[in-house]
């Protein structure tokens, strides 16, 4: 078989955990769970309990430099410090901006410019966007393999958050689209408030090497609060949010 015929497989850091739960994969080459069997039951968990999901795969680039906010606006990403700028189209870019000189751009893997169309920030690959940013001056690093993304949503989430973190993660302290650096189950990470259909929610950007520990800890602590793992289809999209893409379901 020629090298060109080999399709690389992208694997979640939790692939073995998802497999034990009976995951139906996004595809044979993208090992992230769409569901664990009963999509309607998983959607009910979102509405009535607490849903924990690992949507993906996502490409991610870290941008650092004094002109980061200006450079993002040059690309049409009107993000502010301490805020998440959600994608405006399915498969678009989510800009995490924890500080004025730092951003992480996140996009569902495989999105790029369609053939025969002029490239824009909405259609370019992250690699192409990274080159544009480098030409403007900031440091740009591919961190796709360095982090994974977790999603927590549900009406019973607030009580669980008080057990997961010493930081106040209430809606008053962290409004929708707000970003905070916090310790969760003993691990430092970035969290973005991202409510869904009127339900409280967070997106967690977790260091890949800590992903299994964080997942297992949240599952254990969340059991008494009605938490269950779900696939991306529970949010009616294979992506992280409707804004992140049509399957993620995080509005």
C-alpha atoms as a PDB file:
ATOM      1  CA  UNK A   1       0.000   0.000   0.000  1.00  0.00           C
ATOM      2  CA  UNK A   2       1.407   3.391  -0.969  1.00  0.00           C
ATOM      3  CA  UNK A   3       1.889   6.068   1.738  1.00  0.00           C
ATOM      4  CA  UNK A   4      -0.715   8.225  -0.043  1.00  0.00           C
ATOM      5  CA  UNK A   5      -3.360   5.550   0.559  1.00  0.00           C
ATOM      6  CA  UNK A   6      -2.892   5.534   4.340  1.00  0.00           C
ATOM      7  CA  UNK A   7      -5.353   7.710   6.267  1.00  0.00           C
ATOM      8  CA  UNK A   8      -4.047   8.658   9.704  1.00  0.00           C
ATOM      9  CA  UNK A   9      -6.303   7.979  12.675  1.00  0.00           C
ATOM     10  CA  UNK A  10      -6.872  10.777  15.157  1.00  0.00           C
ATOM     11  CA  UNK A  11      -7.469   9.384  18.622  1.00  0.00           C
ATOM     12  CA  UNK A  12      -9.039  10.932  21.681  1.00  0.00           C
ATOM     13  CA  UNK A  13      -6.829  10.666  24.770  1.00  0.00           C
ATOM     14  CA  UNK A  14      -9.852   8.902  26.292  1.00  0.00           C
ATOM     15  CA  UNK A  15     -10.365   6.428  23.437  1.00  0.00           C
ATOM     16  CA  UNK A  16     -10.164   3.381  25.696  1.00  0.00           C
ATOM     17  CA  UNK A  17     -12.609   4.923  28.202  1.00  0.00           C
ATOM     18  CA  UNK A  18     -15.088   5.777  25.459  1.00  0.00           C
ATOM     19  CA  UNK A  19     -14.711   2.298  23.948  1.00  0.00           C
ATOM     20  CA  UNK A  20     -15.589   0.642  27.274  1.00  0.00           C
ATOM     21  CA  UNK A  21     -18.731   2.794  27.371  1.00  0.00           C
ATOM     22  CA  UNK A  22     -19.758   1.509  23.928  1.00  0.00           C
ATOM     23  CA  UNK A  23     -18.893   4.583  21.883  1.00  0.00           C
ATOM     24  CA  UNK A  24     -20.098   5.047  18.328  1.00  0.00           C
ATOM     25  CA  UNK A  25     -17.205   6.952  16.758  1.00  0.00           C
ATOM     26  CA  UNK A  26     -17.460  10.107  14.720  1.00  0.00           C
ATOM     27  CA  UNK A  27     -15.706   8.135  11.985  1.00  0.00           C
ATOM     28  CA  UNK A  28     -13.256   5.259  11.710  1.00  0.00           C
ATOM     29  CA  UNK A  29     -10.409   7.775  11.523  1.00  0.00           C
ATOM     30  CA  UNK A  30     -11.734  10.158  14.204  1.00  0.00           C
ATOM     31  CA  UNK A  31     -12.140   8.321  17.505  1.00  0.00           C
ATOM     32  CA  UNK A  32     -14.416  10.706  19.406  1.00  0.00           C
ATOM     33  CA  UNK A  33     -17.858   9.539  20.574  1.00  0.00           C
ATOM     34  CA  UNK A  34     -21.008  10.609  18.774  1.00  0.00           C
ATOM     35  CA  UNK A  35     -23.041   8.565  21.274  1.00  0.00           C
ATOM     36  CA  UNK A  36     -22.834   5.568  23.557  1.00  0.00           C
ATOM     37  CA  UNK A  37     -25.968   3.973  22.153  1.00  0.00           C
ATOM     38  CA  UNK A  38     -29.222   5.729  23.099  1.00  0.00           C
ATOM     39  CA  UNK A  39     -29.086   9.284  21.752  1.00  0.00           C
ATOM     40  CA  UNK A  40     -32.533  10.208  23.090  1.00  0.00           C
ATOM     41  CA  UNK A  41     -31.583   9.108  26.604  1.00  0.00           C
ATOM     42  CA  UNK A  42     -28.340  11.062  26.385  1.00  0.00           C
ATOM     43  CA  UNK A  43     -30.263  14.166  25.290  1.00  0.00           C
ATOM     44  CA  UNK A  44     -32.488  13.682  28.341  1.00  0.00           C
ATOM     45  CA  UNK A  45     -29.410  13.734  30.576  1.00  0.00           C
ATOM     46  CA  UNK A  46     -28.512  17.138  29.122  1.00  0.00           C
ATOM     47  CA  UNK A  47     -31.997  18.454  29.976  1.00  0.00           C
ATOM     48  CA  UNK A  48     -32.482  16.821  33.372  1.00  0.00           C
ATOM     49  CA  UNK A  49     -29.120  15.963  34.952  1.00  0.00           C
ATOM     50  CA  UNK A  50     -25.547  16.806  33.996  1.00  0.00           C
ATOM     51  CA  UNK A  51     -23.940  15.742  30.731  1.00  0.00           C
ATOM     52  CA  UNK A  52     -20.180  15.299  30.365  1.00  0.00           C
ATOM     53  CA  UNK A  53     -18.874  15.032  26.806  1.00  0.00           C
ATOM     54  CA  UNK A  54     -15.589  15.088  24.929  1.00  0.00           C
ATOM     55  CA  UNK A  55     -16.466  16.504  21.502  1.00  0.00           C
ATOM     56  CA  UNK A  56     -13.813  16.611  18.840  1.00  0.00           C
ATOM     57  CA  UNK A  57     -11.407  16.321  17.206  1.00  0.00           C
ATOM     58  CA  UNK A  58     -10.321  19.955  17.280  1.00  0.00           C
ATOM     59  CA  UNK A  59      -7.364  21.728  15.753  1.00  0.00           C
ATOM     60  CA  UNK A  60      -5.913  24.371  18.073  1.00  0.00           C
ATOM     61  CA  UNK A  61      -3.278  27.077  17.746  1.00  0.00           C
ATOM     62  CA  UNK A  62      -1.894  29.267  20.536  1.00  0.00           C
ATOM     63  CA  UNK A  63      -1.159  32.902  19.668  1.00  0.00           C
ATOM     64  CA  UNK A  64       1.054  35.093  21.852  1.00  0.00           C
ATOM     65  CA  UNK A  65       2.246  38.649  21.375  1.00  0.00           C
ATOM     66  CA  UNK A  66       1.568  42.235  22.383  1.00  0.00           C
ATOM     67  CA  UNK A  67      -0.567  42.803  19.283  1.00  0.00           C
ATOM     68  CA  UNK A  68      -2.648  39.618  19.638  1.00  0.00           C
ATOM     69  CA  UNK A  69      -6.033  41.370  19.978  1.00  0.00           C
ATOM     70  CA  UNK A  70      -5.269  43.709  17.068  1.00  0.00           C
ATOM     71  CA  UNK A  71      -4.139  40.800  14.894  1.00  0.00           C
ATOM     72  CA  UNK A  72      -7.287  38.814  15.686  1.00  0.00           C
ATOM     73  CA  UNK A  73      -9.461  41.775  14.749  1.00  0.00           C
ATOM     74  CA  UNK A  74      -7.497  42.089  11.520  1.00  0.00           C
ATOM     75  CA  UNK A  75      -8.685  38.559  10.774  1.00  0.00           C
ATOM     76  CA  UNK A  76     -12.266  39.449  11.663  1.00  0.00           C
ATOM     77  CA  UNK A  77     -12.246  37.800  15.101  1.00  0.00           C
ATOM     78  CA  UNK A  78     -13.559  40.536  17.375  1.00  0.00           C
ATOM     79  CA  UNK A  79     -12.528  38.918  20.626  1.00  0.00           C
ATOM     80  CA  UNK A  80     -11.970  40.751  23.896  1.00  0.00           C
ATOM     81  CA  UNK A  81      -9.649  39.808  26.753  1.00  0.00           C
ATOM     82  CA  UNK A  82     -11.225  37.368  29.188  1.00  0.00           C
ATOM     83  CA  UNK A  83     -13.834  36.311  26.646  1.00  0.00           C
ATOM     84  CA  UNK A  84     -14.695  33.470  24.308  1.00  0.00           C
ATOM     85  CA  UNK A  85     -15.599  34.651  20.827  1.00  0.00           C
ATOM     86  CA  UNK A  86     -17.758  31.816  19.446  1.00  0.00           C
ATOM     87  CA  UNK A  87     -17.735  30.776  15.824  1.00  0.00           C
ATOM     88  CA  UNK A  88     -20.404  32.457  13.739  1.00  0.00           C
ATOM     89  CA  UNK A  89     -20.775  29.675  11.192  1.00  0.00           C
ATOM     90  CA  UNK A  90     -20.804  25.859  11.449  1.00  0.00           C
ATOM     91  CA  UNK A  91     -17.217  24.676  11.611  1.00  0.00           C
ATOM     92  CA  UNK A  92     -15.972  28.198  12.279  1.00  0.00           C
ATOM     93  CA  UNK A  93     -13.254  29.366  14.643  1.00  0.00           C
ATOM     94  CA  UNK A  94     -13.729  29.757  18.379  1.00  0.00           C
ATOM     95  CA  UNK A  95     -11.309  32.315  19.824  1.00  0.00           C
ATOM     96  CA  UNK A  96     -10.374  31.811  23.473  1.00  0.00           C
ATOM     97  CA  UNK A  97      -8.765  35.041  24.721  1.00  0.00           C
ATOM     98  CA  UNK A  98      -7.700  34.684  28.370  1.00  0.00           C
ATOM     99  CA  UNK A  99      -5.501  37.818  28.208  1.00  0.00           C
ATOM    100  CA  UNK A 100      -4.724  40.709  25.860  1.00  0.00           C
ATOM    101  CA  UNK A 101      -1.493  39.088  24.680  1.00  0.00           C
ATOM    102  CA  UNK A 102      -2.741  35.490  24.463  1.00  0.00           C
ATOM    103  CA  UNK A 103      -5.346  33.547  22.501  1.00  0.00           C
ATOM    104  CA  UNK A 104      -6.137  29.977  21.552  1.00  0.00           C
ATOM    105  CA  UNK A 105      -8.000  29.430  18.275  1.00  0.00           C
ATOM    106  CA  UNK A 106     -10.066  26.253  18.147  1.00  0.00           C
ATOM    107  CA  UNK A 107     -11.771  24.700  15.150  1.00  0.00           C
ATOM    108  CA  UNK A 108     -13.298  21.335  14.336  1.00  0.00           C
ATOM    109  CA  UNK A 109     -10.644  19.325  12.492  1.00  0.00           C
ATOM    110  CA  UNK A 110     -10.759  19.093   8.721  1.00  0.00           C
ATOM    111  CA  UNK A 111     -12.347  22.469   7.999  1.00  0.00           C
ATOM    112  CA  UNK A 112     -10.714  24.351   5.140  1.00  0.00           C
ATOM    113  CA  UNK A 113     -11.457  26.478   2.133  1.00  0.00           C
ATOM    114  CA  UNK A 114     -13.770  24.857  -0.450  1.00  0.00           C
ATOM    115  CA  UNK A 115     -12.313  24.479  -3.924  1.00  0.00           C
ATOM    116  CA  UNK A 116     -12.988  27.363  -6.276  1.00  0.00           C
ATOM    117  CA  UNK A 117     -13.765  29.895  -3.547  1.00  0.00           C
ATOM    118  CA  UNK A 118     -11.741  32.871  -2.377  1.00  0.00           C
ATOM    119  CA  UNK A 119     -10.191  32.067   0.992  1.00  0.00           C
ATOM    120  CA  UNK A 120     -11.452  33.984   4.028  1.00  0.00           C
ATOM    121  CA  UNK A 121     -10.995  33.459   7.754  1.00  0.00           C
ATOM    122  CA  UNK A 122     -14.263  31.505   7.644  1.00  0.00           C
ATOM    123  CA  UNK A 123     -12.916  28.999   5.116  1.00  0.00           C
ATOM    124  CA  UNK A 124      -9.141  28.908   5.568  1.00  0.00           C
ATOM    125  CA  UNK A 125      -7.505  26.099   7.498  1.00  0.00           C
ATOM    126  CA  UNK A 126      -5.943  26.921  10.853  1.00  0.00           C
ATOM    127  CA  UNK A 127      -2.526  26.286   9.280  1.00  0.00           C
ATOM    128  CA  UNK A 128      -3.210  29.040   6.744  1.00  0.00           C
ATOM    129  CA  UNK A 129      -4.465  31.378   9.441  1.00  0.00           C
ATOM    130  CA  UNK A 130      -1.394  30.613  11.544  1.00  0.00           C
ATOM    131  CA  UNK A 131       0.870  31.705   8.691  1.00  0.00           C
ATOM    132  CA  UNK A 132      -1.023  34.991   8.350  1.00  0.00           C
ATOM    133  CA  UNK A 133      -0.688  35.650  12.055  1.00  0.00           C
ATOM    134  CA  UNK A 134       3.029  34.845  12.056  1.00  0.00           C
ATOM    135  CA  UNK A 135       3.524  37.367   9.264  1.00  0.00           C
ATOM    136  CA  UNK A 136       1.926  39.993  11.508  1.00  0.00           C
ATOM    137  CA  UNK A 137       4.392  39.321  14.314  1.00  0.00           C
ATOM    138  CA  UNK A 138       2.959  37.153  17.128  1.00  0.00           C
ATOM    139  CA  UNK A 139       4.260  33.735  18.082  1.00  0.00           C
ATOM    140  CA  UNK A 140       1.972  30.941  16.845  1.00  0.00           C
ATOM    141  CA  UNK A 141       2.186  27.331  18.028  1.00  0.00           C
ATOM    142  CA  UNK A 142       0.108  24.299  17.048  1.00  0.00           C
ATOM    143  CA  UNK A 143      -1.240  22.889  20.330  1.00  0.00           C
ATOM    144  CA  UNK A 144      -3.757  20.454  18.834  1.00  0.00           C
ATOM    145  CA  UNK A 145      -2.185  17.480  20.600  1.00  0.00           C
ATOM    146  CA  UNK A 146      -1.581  19.385  23.821  1.00  0.00           C
ATOM    147  CA  UNK A 147      -5.175  19.883  24.935  1.00  0.00           C
ATOM    148  CA  UNK A 148      -8.540  18.206  24.764  1.00  0.00           C
ATOM    149  CA  UNK A 149     -11.989  19.745  25.149  1.00  0.00           C
ATOM    150  CA  UNK A 150     -14.651  18.706  27.663  1.00  0.00           C
ATOM    151  CA  UNK A 151     -18.241  19.911  27.785  1.00  0.00           C
ATOM    152  CA  UNK A 152     -20.386  20.084  30.933  1.00  0.00           C
ATOM    153  CA  UNK A 153     -24.078  21.002  30.656  1.00  0.00           C
ATOM    154  CA  UNK A 154     -27.143  20.497  32.800  1.00  0.00           C
ATOM    155  CA  UNK A 155     -29.605  22.033  35.254  1.00  0.00           C
ATOM    156  CA  UNK A 156     -27.826  20.427  38.223  1.00  0.00           C
ATOM    157  CA  UNK A 157     -24.380  21.670  37.255  1.00  0.00           C
ATOM    158  CA  UNK A 158     -23.971  24.472  39.811  1.00  0.00           C
ATOM    159  CA  UNK A 159     -23.934  22.126  42.816  1.00  0.00           C
ATOM    160  CA  UNK A 160     -21.308  19.933  41.150  1.00  0.00           C
ATOM    161  CA  UNK A 161     -19.080  22.911  40.282  1.00  0.00           C
ATOM    162  CA  UNK A 162     -18.850  23.756  43.968  1.00  0.00           C
ATOM    163  CA  UNK A 163     -17.284  20.347  44.551  1.00  0.00           C
ATOM    164  CA  UNK A 164     -15.049  20.402  41.470  1.00  0.00           C
ATOM    165  CA  UNK A 165     -13.318  23.742  42.076  1.00  0.00           C
ATOM    166  CA  UNK A 166     -12.565  26.219  44.879  1.00  0.00           C
ATOM    167  CA  UNK A 167     -13.161  29.053  42.390  1.00  0.00           C
ATOM    168  CA  UNK A 168     -16.579  30.723  42.208  1.00  0.00           C
ATOM    169  CA  UNK A 169     -17.964  29.547  38.850  1.00  0.00           C
ATOM    170  CA  UNK A 170     -21.463  30.904  39.324  1.00  0.00           C
ATOM    171  CA  UNK A 171     -23.144  32.880  36.545  1.00  0.00           C
ATOM    172  CA  UNK A 172     -22.559  36.064  38.539  1.00  0.00           C
ATOM    173  CA  UNK A 173     -18.803  35.435  38.753  1.00  0.00           C
ATOM    174  CA  UNK A 174     -18.397  33.991  35.235  1.00  0.00           C
ATOM    175  CA  UNK A 175     -21.035  35.313  32.808  1.00  0.00           C
ATOM    176  CA  UNK A 176     -21.857  33.609  29.528  1.00  0.00           C
ATOM    177  CA  UNK A 177     -18.805  33.660  27.195  1.00  0.00           C
ATOM    178  CA  UNK A 178     -16.523  34.575  30.097  1.00  0.00           C
ATOM    179  CA  UNK A 179     -13.177  32.771  30.452  1.00  0.00           C
ATOM    180  CA  UNK A 180     -11.496  31.927  33.744  1.00  0.00           C
ATOM    181  CA  UNK A 181      -8.336  30.058  34.691  1.00  0.00           C
ATOM    182  CA  UNK A 182      -9.173  27.743  37.579  1.00  0.00           C
ATOM    183  CA  UNK A 183      -8.164  24.602  39.416  1.00  0.00           C
ATOM    184  CA  UNK A 184     -10.643  21.795  38.749  1.00  0.00           C
ATOM    185  CA  UNK A 185     -10.171  18.468  40.600  1.00  0.00           C
ATOM    186  CA  UNK A 186      -6.641  19.612  41.391  1.00  0.00           C
ATOM    187  CA  UNK A 187      -5.643  20.458  37.781  1.00  0.00           C
ATOM    188  CA  UNK A 188      -5.196  23.939  36.338  1.00  0.00           C
ATOM    189  CA  UNK A 189      -7.158  24.628  33.161  1.00  0.00           C
ATOM    190  CA  UNK A 190      -9.100  27.223  31.208  1.00  0.00           C
ATOM    191  CA  UNK A 191     -12.886  27.221  31.412  1.00  0.00           C
ATOM    192  CA  UNK A 192     -15.348  29.162  29.283  1.00  0.00           C
ATOM    193  CA  UNK A 193     -18.957  29.682  30.306  1.00  0.00           C
ATOM    194  CA  UNK A 194     -21.104  28.412  27.430  1.00  0.00           C
ATOM    195  CA  UNK A 195     -24.736  27.894  28.299  1.00  0.00           C
ATOM    196  CA  UNK A 196     -26.961  25.665  26.198  1.00  0.00           C
ATOM    197  CA  UNK A 197     -30.689  26.185  25.543  1.00  0.00           C
ATOM    198  CA  UNK A 198     -31.069  28.054  28.822  1.00  0.00           C
ATOM    199  CA  UNK A 199     -29.100  25.428  30.760  1.00  0.00           C
ATOM    200  CA  UNK A 200     -25.832  26.249  32.550  1.00  0.00           C
ATOM    201  CA  UNK A 201     -22.743  24.965  30.792  1.00  0.00           C
ATOM    202  CA  UNK A 202     -18.979  25.163  30.602  1.00  0.00           C
ATOM    203  CA  UNK A 203     -16.319  24.212  28.084  1.00  0.00           C
ATOM    204  CA  UNK A 204     -13.072  22.979  29.654  1.00  0.00           C
ATOM    205  CA  UNK A 205      -9.714  23.154  27.913  1.00  0.00           C
ATOM    206  CA  UNK A 206      -7.764  20.329  29.582  1.00  0.00           C
ATOM    207  CA  UNK A 207      -4.102  19.352  29.241  1.00  0.00           C
ATOM    208  CA  UNK A 208      -4.087  16.085  27.313  1.00  0.00           C
ATOM    209  CA  UNK A 209      -1.887  14.235  29.816  1.00  0.00           C
ATOM    210  CA  UNK A 210      -4.388  15.048  32.589  1.00  0.00           C
ATOM    211  CA  UNK A 211      -7.516  14.280  30.577  1.00  0.00           C
ATOM    212  CA  UNK A 212      -8.183  10.761  31.869  1.00  0.00           C
ATOM    213  CA  UNK A 213      -7.707  11.796  35.496  1.00  0.00           C
ATOM    214  CA  UNK A 214      -9.960  14.845  35.101  1.00  0.00           C
ATOM    215  CA  UNK A 215     -12.651  12.810  33.304  1.00  0.00           C
ATOM    216  CA  UNK A 216     -12.661  10.024  35.899  1.00  0.00           C
ATOM    217  CA  UNK A 217     -12.708  12.525  38.775  1.00  0.00           C
ATOM    218  CA  UNK A 218     -15.646  14.466  37.324  1.00  0.00           C
ATOM    219  CA  UNK A 219     -17.559  11.238  36.666  1.00  0.00           C
ATOM    220  CA  UNK A 220     -16.975  10.057  40.251  1.00  0.00           C
ATOM    221  CA  UNK A 221     -17.891  13.355  41.898  1.00  0.00           C
ATOM    222  CA  UNK A 222     -20.819  13.900  39.554  1.00  0.00           C
ATOM    223  CA  UNK A 223     -22.489  10.529  40.138  1.00  0.00           C
ATOM    224  CA  UNK A 224     -24.601  11.814  43.044  1.00  0.00           C
ATOM    225  CA  UNK A 225     -25.647  14.842  40.972  1.00  0.00           C
ATOM    226  CA  UNK A 226     -27.043  12.828  38.064  1.00  0.00           C
ATOM    227  CA  UNK A 227     -23.989  13.184  35.819  1.00  0.00           C
ATOM    228  CA  UNK A 228     -23.474  10.791  32.926  1.00  0.00           C
ATOM    229  CA  UNK A 229     -21.111  10.758  29.947  1.00  0.00           C
ATOM    230  CA  UNK A 230     -22.816  11.523  26.624  1.00  0.00           C
ATOM    231  CA  UNK A 231     -21.735  11.726  22.998  1.00  0.00           C
ATOM    232  CA  UNK A 232     -21.757  14.856  20.868  1.00  0.00           C
ATOM    233  CA  UNK A 233     -25.126  13.918  19.339  1.00  0.00           C
ATOM    234  CA  UNK A 234     -26.766  14.676  22.699  1.00  0.00           C
ATOM    235  CA  UNK A 235     -26.224  18.335  21.807  1.00  0.00           C
ATOM    236  CA  UNK A 236     -27.679  17.821  18.314  1.00  0.00           C
ATOM    237  CA  UNK A 237     -24.335  18.394  16.619  1.00  0.00           C
ATOM    238  CA  UNK A 238     -20.949  16.570  16.226  1.00  0.00           C
ATOM    239  CA  UNK A 239     -19.218  19.787  17.100  1.00  0.00           C
ATOM    240  CA  UNK A 240     -18.797  21.652  20.350  1.00  0.00           C
ATOM    241  CA  UNK A 241     -21.595  24.165  19.896  1.00  0.00           C
ATOM    242  CA  UNK A 242     -24.124  25.252  17.325  1.00  0.00           C
ATOM    243  CA  UNK A 243     -21.791  28.169  16.875  1.00  0.00           C
ATOM    244  CA  UNK A 244     -18.822  25.836  16.993  1.00  0.00           C
ATOM    245  CA  UNK A 245     -20.594  23.743  14.438  1.00  0.00           C
ATOM    246  CA  UNK A 246     -23.926  22.155  13.838  1.00  0.00           C
ATOM    247  CA  UNK A 247     -23.593  19.328  16.331  1.00  0.00           C
ATOM    248  CA  UNK A 248     -22.082  20.764  19.430  1.00  0.00           C
ATOM    249  CA  UNK A 249     -25.173  22.318  20.813  1.00  0.00           C
ATOM    250  CA  UNK A 250     -23.647  24.862  23.167  1.00  0.00           C
ATOM    251  CA  UNK A 251     -25.413  28.154  22.852  1.00  0.00           C
END
